Amino acid sequence: MAIERIVMLVAGFMVLASALLSVYHAPEWLYLTGFVGVNLMFSAMTGFCPMVIFLRKFGFKHGAAFR
Protein backbone atom coordinates (compact mmCIF):
# COMPACT_ATOMS: atom_id res chain seq x y z
CA MET A 1 0.00 0.00 0.00
CA ALA A 2 1.30 3.46 -0.87
CA ILE A 3 2.15 6.07 1.74
CA GLU A 4 -0.54 8.47 0.50
CA ARG A 5 -3.28 5.90 0.94
CA ILE A 6 -2.06 4.96 4.42
CA VAL A 7 -2.07 8.62 5.49
CA MET A 8 -5.63 9.08 4.23
CA LEU A 9 -6.74 5.83 5.89
CA VAL A 10 -5.23 6.75 9.26
CA ALA A 11 -6.58 10.32 9.12
CA GLY A 12 -10.07 9.07 8.30
CA PHE A 13 -9.93 6.50 11.08
CA MET A 14 -8.75 9.10 13.61
CA VAL A 15 -11.54 11.53 12.67
CA LEU A 16 -14.19 8.81 12.86
CA ALA A 17 -12.84 7.39 16.13
CA SER A 18 -12.59 10.80 17.81
CA ALA A 19 -16.08 11.77 16.64
CA LEU A 20 -17.54 8.57 18.08
CA LEU A 21 -15.57 8.99 21.30
CA SER A 22 -16.84 12.56 21.62
CA VAL A 23 -20.45 11.35 21.35
CA TYR A 24 -20.19 8.34 23.64
CA HIS A 25 -17.42 9.26 26.07
CA ALA A 26 -16.43 12.93 26.39
CA PRO A 27 -16.76 15.97 24.10
CA GLU A 28 -13.07 16.80 24.58
CA TRP A 29 -12.25 14.14 21.96
CA LEU A 30 -13.26 16.72 19.34
CA TYR A 31 -9.87 18.34 19.93
CA LEU A 32 -8.32 15.29 18.27
CA THR A 33 -10.61 15.79 15.28
CA GLY A 34 -9.46 19.40 15.03
CA PHE A 35 -5.82 18.38 15.39
CA VAL A 36 -6.12 15.90 12.51
CA GLY A 37 -7.84 18.53 10.37
CA VAL A 38 -5.15 21.11 11.05
CA ASN A 39 -2.43 18.57 10.20
CA LEU A 40 -4.19 17.74 6.92
CA MET A 41 -4.39 21.43 6.00
CA PHE A 42 -0.75 21.97 7.00
CA SER A 43 0.45 19.07 4.88
CA ALA A 44 -1.63 20.24 1.92
CA MET A 45 -0.08 23.71 2.07
CA THR A 46 3.52 22.74 2.81
CA GLY A 47 3.86 19.24 1.41
CA PHE A 48 5.27 18.06 4.75
CA CYS A 49 3.52 15.34 6.75
CA PRO A 50 5.16 13.98 9.93
CA MET A 51 3.60 10.55 9.45
CA VAL A 52 5.39 10.14 6.10
CA ILE A 53 8.75 10.15 7.91
CA PHE A 54 7.71 7.15 10.01
CA LEU A 55 6.18 5.31 7.08
CA ARG A 56 9.37 5.73 5.03
CA LYS A 57 11.41 4.28 7.91
CA PHE A 58 9.12 1.23 7.88
CA GLY A 59 9.84 0.74 4.19
CA PHE A 60 6.65 2.00 2.58
CA LYS A 61 6.96 3.63 -0.83
CA HIS A 62 5.26 6.62 -2.42
CA GLY A 63 2.72 5.97 -5.11
CA ALA A 64 -0.04 7.61 -7.07
CA ALA A 65 -2.98 7.73 -4.68
CA PHE A 66 -5.46 8.62 -7.37
CA ARG A 67 -5.10 7.08 -10.80
PDB file of N, CA and C in Angstrom:
ATOM      1  N   MET A   1       0.847  -1.173   0.000  1.00  0.00           N
ATOM      2  CA  MET A   1       0.000   0.000   0.000  1.00  0.00           C
ATOM      3  C   MET A   1       0.894   1.239   0.000  1.00  0.00           C
ATOM      4  N   ALA A   2       0.508   2.236  -0.745  1.00  0.00           N
ATOM      5  CA  ALA A   2       1.297   3.459  -0.869  1.00  0.00           C
ATOM      6  C   ALA A   2       1.123   4.359   0.352  1.00  0.00           C
ATOM      7  N   ILE A   3       2.146   5.169   0.594  1.00  0.00           N
ATOM      8  CA  ILE A   3       2.153   6.075   1.743  1.00  0.00           C
ATOM      9  C   ILE A   3       0.929   6.988   1.735  1.00  0.00           C
ATOM     10  N   GLU A   4       0.582   7.529   0.574  1.00  0.00           N
ATOM     11  CA  GLU A   4      -0.538   8.474   0.501  1.00  0.00           C
ATOM     12  C   GLU A   4      -1.848   7.825   0.944  1.00  0.00           C
ATOM     13  N   ARG A   5      -2.054   6.596   0.545  1.00  0.00           N
ATOM     14  CA  ARG A   5      -3.284   5.899   0.937  1.00  0.00           C
ATOM     15  C   ARG A   5      -3.299   5.587   2.433  1.00  0.00           C
ATOM     16  N   ILE A   6      -2.139   5.243   2.980  1.00  0.00           N
ATOM     17  CA  ILE A   6      -2.059   4.963   4.417  1.00  0.00           C
ATOM     18  C   ILE A   6      -2.367   6.219   5.220  1.00  0.00           C
ATOM     19  N   VAL A   7      -1.816   7.353   4.791  1.00  0.00           N
ATOM     20  CA  VAL A   7      -2.068   8.620   5.489  1.00  0.00           C
ATOM     21  C   VAL A   7      -3.555   8.949   5.469  1.00  0.00           C
ATOM     22  N   MET A   8      -4.196   8.799   4.310  1.00  0.00           N
ATOM     23  CA  MET A   8      -5.635   9.082   4.225  1.00  0.00           C
ATOM     24  C   MET A   8      -6.445   8.110   5.081  1.00  0.00           C
ATOM     25  N   LEU A   9      -6.045   6.841   5.091  1.00  0.00           N
ATOM     26  CA  LEU A   9      -6.743   5.835   5.894  1.00  0.00           C
ATOM     27  C   LEU A   9      -6.630   6.142   7.385  1.00  0.00           C
ATOM     28  N   VAL A  10      -5.434   6.453   7.840  1.00  0.00           N
ATOM     29  CA  VAL A  10      -5.226   6.754   9.264  1.00  0.00           C
ATOM     30  C   VAL A  10      -5.953   8.042   9.658  1.00  0.00           C
ATOM     31  N   ALA A  11      -5.892   9.068   8.811  1.00  0.00           N
ATOM     32  CA  ALA A  11      -6.582  10.324   9.118  1.00  0.00           C
ATOM     33  C   ALA A  11      -8.091  10.104   9.200  1.00  0.00           C
ATOM     34  N   GLY A  12      -8.635   9.367   8.264  1.00  0.00           N
ATOM     35  CA  GLY A  12     -10.070   9.068   8.298  1.00  0.00           C
ATOM     36  C   GLY A  12     -10.464   8.280   9.525  1.00  0.00           C
ATOM     37  N   PHE A  13      -9.646   7.287   9.883  1.00  0.00           N
ATOM     38  CA  PHE A  13      -9.929   6.501  11.080  1.00  0.00           C
ATOM     39  C   PHE A  13      -9.876   7.367  12.333  1.00  0.00           C
ATOM     40  N   MET A  14      -8.878   8.249  12.421  1.00  0.00           N
ATOM     41  CA  MET A  14      -8.753   9.100  13.607  1.00  0.00           C
ATOM     42  C   MET A  14      -9.933  10.059  13.737  1.00  0.00           C
ATOM     43  N   VAL A  15     -10.390  10.628  12.633  1.00  0.00           N
ATOM     44  CA  VAL A  15     -11.540  11.529  12.671  1.00  0.00           C
ATOM     45  C   VAL A  15     -12.790  10.772  13.094  1.00  0.00           C
ATOM     46  N   LEU A  16     -13.010   9.607  12.508  1.00  0.00           N
ATOM     47  CA  LEU A  16     -14.185   8.812  12.864  1.00  0.00           C
ATOM     48  C   LEU A  16     -14.137   8.353  14.314  1.00  0.00           C
ATOM     49  N   ALA A  17     -12.981   7.864  14.748  1.00  0.00           N
ATOM     50  CA  ALA A  17     -12.845   7.394  16.129  1.00  0.00           C
ATOM     51  C   ALA A  17     -13.042   8.532  17.125  1.00  0.00           C
ATOM     52  N   SER A  18     -12.446   9.691  16.864  1.00  0.00           N
ATOM     53  CA  SER A  18     -12.588  10.799  17.809  1.00  0.00           C
ATOM     54  C   SER A  18     -14.012  11.347  17.816  1.00  0.00           C
ATOM     55  N   ALA A  19     -14.680  11.326  16.670  1.00  0.00           N
ATOM     56  CA  ALA A  19     -16.077  11.770  16.638  1.00  0.00           C
ATOM     57  C   ALA A  19     -16.956  10.828  17.453  1.00  0.00           C
ATOM     58  N   LEU A  20     -16.757   9.534  17.295  1.00  0.00           N
ATOM     59  CA  LEU A  20     -17.540   8.569  18.080  1.00  0.00           C
ATOM     60  C   LEU A  20     -17.220   8.674  19.571  1.00  0.00           C
ATOM     61  N   LEU A  21     -15.938   8.838  19.894  1.00  0.00           N
ATOM     62  CA  LEU A  21     -15.571   8.989  21.301  1.00  0.00           C
ATOM     63  C   LEU A  21     -16.159  10.260  21.902  1.00  0.00           C
ATOM     64  N   SER A  22     -16.264  11.314  21.098  1.00  0.00           N
ATOM     65  CA  SER A  22     -16.837  12.558  21.622  1.00  0.00           C
ATOM     66  C   SER A  22     -18.324  12.412  21.896  1.00  0.00           C
ATOM     67  N   VAL A  23     -19.011  11.569  21.132  1.00  0.00           N
ATOM     68  CA  VAL A  23     -20.445  11.355  21.348  1.00  0.00           C
ATOM     69  C   VAL A  23     -20.685  10.449  22.536  1.00  0.00           C
ATOM     70  N   TYR A  24     -19.913   9.365  22.638  1.00  0.00           N
ATOM     71  CA  TYR A  24     -20.190   8.339  23.639  1.00  0.00           C
ATOM     72  C   TYR A  24     -19.333   8.419  24.896  1.00  0.00           C
ATOM     73  N   HIS A  25     -18.284   9.216  24.887  1.00  0.00           N
ATOM     74  CA  HIS A  25     -17.418   9.258  26.070  1.00  0.00           C
ATOM     75  C   HIS A  25     -17.309  10.671  26.639  1.00  0.00           C
ATOM     76  N   ALA A  26     -16.625  11.559  25.909  1.00  0.00           N
ATOM     77  CA  ALA A  26     -16.434  12.934  26.394  1.00  0.00           C
ATOM     78  C   ALA A  26     -16.262  13.861  25.196  1.00  0.00           C
ATOM     79  N   PRO A  27     -16.853  15.049  25.242  1.00  0.00           N
ATOM     80  CA  PRO A  27     -16.758  15.965  24.100  1.00  0.00           C
ATOM     81  C   PRO A  27     -15.344  16.489  23.834  1.00  0.00           C
ATOM     82  N   GLU A  28     -14.438  16.326  24.773  1.00  0.00           N
ATOM     83  CA  GLU A  28     -13.066  16.798  24.575  1.00  0.00           C
ATOM     84  C   GLU A  28     -12.341  16.044  23.463  1.00  0.00           C
ATOM     85  N   TRP A  29     -12.857  14.891  23.053  1.00  0.00           N
ATOM     86  CA  TRP A  29     -12.253  14.136  21.956  1.00  0.00           C
ATOM     87  C   TRP A  29     -12.333  14.895  20.641  1.00  0.00           C
ATOM     88  N   LEU A  30     -13.181  15.916  20.567  1.00  0.00           N
ATOM     89  CA  LEU A  30     -13.257  16.719  19.343  1.00  0.00           C
ATOM     90  C   LEU A  30     -11.973  17.495  19.090  1.00  0.00           C
ATOM     91  N   TYR A  31     -11.166  17.693  20.125  1.00  0.00           N
ATOM     92  CA  TYR A  31      -9.872  18.337  19.928  1.00  0.00           C
ATOM     93  C   TYR A  31      -8.985  17.480  19.023  1.00  0.00           C
ATOM     94  N   LEU A  32      -9.079  16.169  19.143  1.00  0.00           N
ATOM     95  CA  LEU A  32      -8.315  15.289  18.268  1.00  0.00           C
ATOM     96  C   LEU A  32      -8.780  15.438  16.822  1.00  0.00           C
ATOM     97  N   THR A  33     -10.082  15.565  16.617  1.00  0.00           N
ATOM     98  CA  THR A  33     -10.615  15.791  15.279  1.00  0.00           C
ATOM     99  C   THR A  33     -10.041  17.079  14.689  1.00  0.00           C
ATOM    100  N   GLY A  34     -10.030  18.130  15.482  1.00  0.00           N
ATOM    101  CA  GLY A  34      -9.456  19.399  15.029  1.00  0.00           C
ATOM    102  C   GLY A  34      -7.973  19.290  14.748  1.00  0.00           C
ATOM    103  N   PHE A  35      -7.251  18.558  15.578  1.00  0.00           N
ATOM    104  CA  PHE A  35      -5.817  18.379  15.388  1.00  0.00           C
ATOM    105  C   PHE A  35      -5.528  17.660  14.068  1.00  0.00           C
ATOM    106  N   VAL A  36      -6.296  16.625  13.772  1.00  0.00           N
ATOM    107  CA  VAL A  36      -6.120  15.898  12.513  1.00  0.00           C
ATOM    108  C   VAL A  36      -6.433  16.815  11.331  1.00  0.00           C
ATOM    109  N   GLY A  37      -7.490  17.605  11.438  1.00  0.00           N
ATOM    110  CA  GLY A  37      -7.845  18.531  10.367  1.00  0.00           C
ATOM    111  C   GLY A  37      -6.768  19.577  10.127  1.00  0.00           C
ATOM    112  N   VAL A  38      -6.213  20.111  11.187  1.00  0.00           N
ATOM    113  CA  VAL A  38      -5.146  21.111  11.054  1.00  0.00           C
ATOM    114  C   VAL A  38      -3.911  20.478  10.414  1.00  0.00           C
ATOM    115  N   ASN A  39      -3.581  19.250  10.807  1.00  0.00           N
ATOM    116  CA  ASN A  39      -2.434  18.573  10.198  1.00  0.00           C
ATOM    117  C   ASN A  39      -2.666  18.305   8.714  1.00  0.00           C
ATOM    118  N   LEU A  40      -3.881  17.959   8.331  1.00  0.00           N
ATOM    119  CA  LEU A  40      -4.194  17.743   6.921  1.00  0.00           C
ATOM    120  C   LEU A  40      -4.046  19.039   6.126  1.00  0.00           C
ATOM    121  N   MET A  41      -4.529  20.147   6.686  1.00  0.00           N
ATOM    122  CA  MET A  41      -4.388  21.434   5.997  1.00  0.00           C
ATOM    123  C   MET A  41      -2.919  21.847   5.908  1.00  0.00           C
ATOM    124  N   PHE A  42      -2.178  21.632   6.986  1.00  0.00           N
ATOM    125  CA  PHE A  42      -0.752  21.974   7.001  1.00  0.00           C
ATOM    126  C   PHE A  42       0.011  21.186   5.944  1.00  0.00           C
ATOM    127  N   SER A  43      -0.259  19.887   5.857  1.00  0.00           N
ATOM    128  CA  SER A  43       0.454  19.073   4.882  1.00  0.00           C
ATOM    129  C   SER A  43       0.045  19.417   3.454  1.00  0.00           C
ATOM    130  N   ALA A  44      -1.201  19.839   3.258  1.00  0.00           N
ATOM    131  CA  ALA A  44      -1.629  20.244   1.915  1.00  0.00           C
ATOM    132  C   ALA A  44      -0.938  21.526   1.477  1.00  0.00           C
ATOM    133  N   MET A  45      -0.701  22.439   2.414  1.00  0.00           N
ATOM    134  CA  MET A  45      -0.084  23.715   2.067  1.00  0.00           C
ATOM    135  C   MET A  45       1.436  23.630   1.954  1.00  0.00           C
ATOM    136  N   THR A  46       2.059  22.778   2.776  1.00  0.00           N
ATOM    137  CA  THR A  46       3.517  22.744   2.811  1.00  0.00           C
ATOM    138  C   THR A  46       4.119  21.527   2.120  1.00  0.00           C
ATOM    139  N   GLY A  47       3.336  20.470   1.968  1.00  0.00           N
ATOM    140  CA  GLY A  47       3.865  19.237   1.406  1.00  0.00           C
ATOM    141  C   GLY A  47       4.604  18.392   2.425  1.00  0.00           C
ATOM    142  N   PHE A  48       4.575  18.784   3.691  1.00  0.00           N
ATOM    143  CA  PHE A  48       5.265  18.057   4.755  1.00  0.00           C
ATOM    144  C   PHE A  48       4.242  17.390   5.656  1.00  0.00           C
ATOM    145  N   CYS A  49       4.396  16.086   5.854  1.00  0.00           N
ATOM    146  CA  CYS A  49       3.521  15.340   6.751  1.00  0.00           C
ATOM    147  C   CYS A  49       4.399  14.513   7.683  1.00  0.00           C
ATOM    148  N   PRO A  50       4.303  14.713   8.993  1.00  0.00           N
ATOM    149  CA  PRO A  50       5.159  13.977   9.929  1.00  0.00           C
ATOM    150  C   PRO A  50       5.005  12.459   9.837  1.00  0.00           C
ATOM    151  N   MET A  51       3.819  11.988   9.519  1.00  0.00           N
ATOM    152  CA  MET A  51       3.600  10.547   9.448  1.00  0.00           C
ATOM    153  C   MET A  51       4.381   9.906   8.304  1.00  0.00           C
ATOM    154  N   VAL A  52       4.647  10.656   7.252  1.00  0.00           N
ATOM    155  CA  VAL A  52       5.389  10.139   6.103  1.00  0.00           C
ATOM    156  C   VAL A  52       6.802   9.736   6.518  1.00  0.00           C
ATOM    157  N   ILE A  53       7.398  10.469   7.431  1.00  0.00           N
ATOM    158  CA  ILE A  53       8.746  10.147   7.912  1.00  0.00           C
ATOM    159  C   ILE A  53       8.763   8.755   8.535  1.00  0.00           C
ATOM    160  N   PHE A  54       7.774   8.463   9.365  1.00  0.00           N
ATOM    161  CA  PHE A  54       7.705   7.155  10.010  1.00  0.00           C
ATOM    162  C   PHE A  54       7.409   6.049   9.007  1.00  0.00           C
ATOM    163  N   LEU A  55       6.523   6.326   8.063  1.00  0.00           N
ATOM    164  CA  LEU A  55       6.184   5.308   7.078  1.00  0.00           C
ATOM    165  C   LEU A  55       7.366   4.986   6.174  1.00  0.00           C
ATOM    166  N   ARG A  56       8.172   5.982   5.830  1.00  0.00           N
ATOM    167  CA  ARG A  56       9.372   5.728   5.031  1.00  0.00           C
ATOM    168  C   ARG A  56      10.353   4.840   5.791  1.00  0.00           C
ATOM    169  N   LYS A  57      10.495   5.087   7.103  1.00  0.00           N
ATOM    170  CA  LYS A  57      11.411   4.276   7.911  1.00  0.00           C
ATOM    171  C   LYS A  57      10.952   2.822   7.988  1.00  0.00           C
ATOM    172  N   PHE A  58       9.645   2.593   7.867  1.00  0.00           N
ATOM    173  CA  PHE A  58       9.121   1.230   7.883  1.00  0.00           C
ATOM    174  C   PHE A  58       9.133   0.595   6.499  1.00  0.00           C
ATOM    175  N   GLY A  59       9.659   1.306   5.506  1.00  0.00           N
ATOM    176  CA  GLY A  59       9.845   0.738   4.189  1.00  0.00           C
ATOM    177  C   GLY A  59       8.719   0.936   3.196  1.00  0.00           C
ATOM    178  N   PHE A  60       7.739   1.752   3.530  1.00  0.00           N
ATOM    179  CA  PHE A  60       6.646   2.004   2.582  1.00  0.00           C
ATOM    180  C   PHE A  60       7.136   2.971   1.496  1.00  0.00           C
ATOM    181  N   LYS A  61       6.580   2.819   0.319  1.00  0.00           N
ATOM    182  CA  LYS A  61       6.961   3.633  -0.830  1.00  0.00           C
ATOM    183  C   LYS A  61       5.849   4.587  -1.217  1.00  0.00           C
ATOM    184  N   HIS A  62       6.251   5.678  -1.872  1.00  0.00           N
ATOM    185  CA  HIS A  62       5.258   6.620  -2.422  1.00  0.00           C
ATOM    186  C   HIS A  62       4.614   6.007  -3.646  1.00  0.00           C
ATOM    187  N   GLY A  63       3.414   6.431  -3.929  1.00  0.00           N
ATOM    188  CA  GLY A  63       2.719   5.966  -5.106  1.00  0.00           C
ATOM    189  C   GLY A  63       1.655   6.968  -5.497  1.00  0.00           C
ATOM    190  N   ALA A  64       1.055   6.742  -6.628  1.00  0.00           N
ATOM    191  CA  ALA A  64      -0.044   7.611  -7.073  1.00  0.00           C
ATOM    192  C   ALA A  64      -1.313   7.191  -6.326  1.00  0.00           C
ATOM    193  N   ALA A  65      -1.797   8.061  -5.475  1.00  0.00           N
ATOM    194  CA  ALA A  65      -2.976   7.733  -4.682  1.00  0.00           C
ATOM    195  C   ALA A  65      -4.227   7.699  -5.526  1.00  0.00           C
ATOM    196  N   PHE A  66      -4.275   8.549  -6.518  1.00  0.00           N
ATOM    197  CA  PHE A  66      -5.459   8.619  -7.375  1.00  0.00           C
ATOM    198  C   PHE A  66      -5.016   8.416  -8.817  1.00  0.00           C
ATOM    199  N   ARG A  67      -5.456   7.343  -9.397  1.00  0.00           N
ATOM    200  CA  ARG A  67      -5.100   7.080 -10.804  1.00  0.00           C
ATOM    201  C   ARG A  67      -6.314   7.212 -11.657  1.00  0.00           C
TER     202      ARG A  67
END
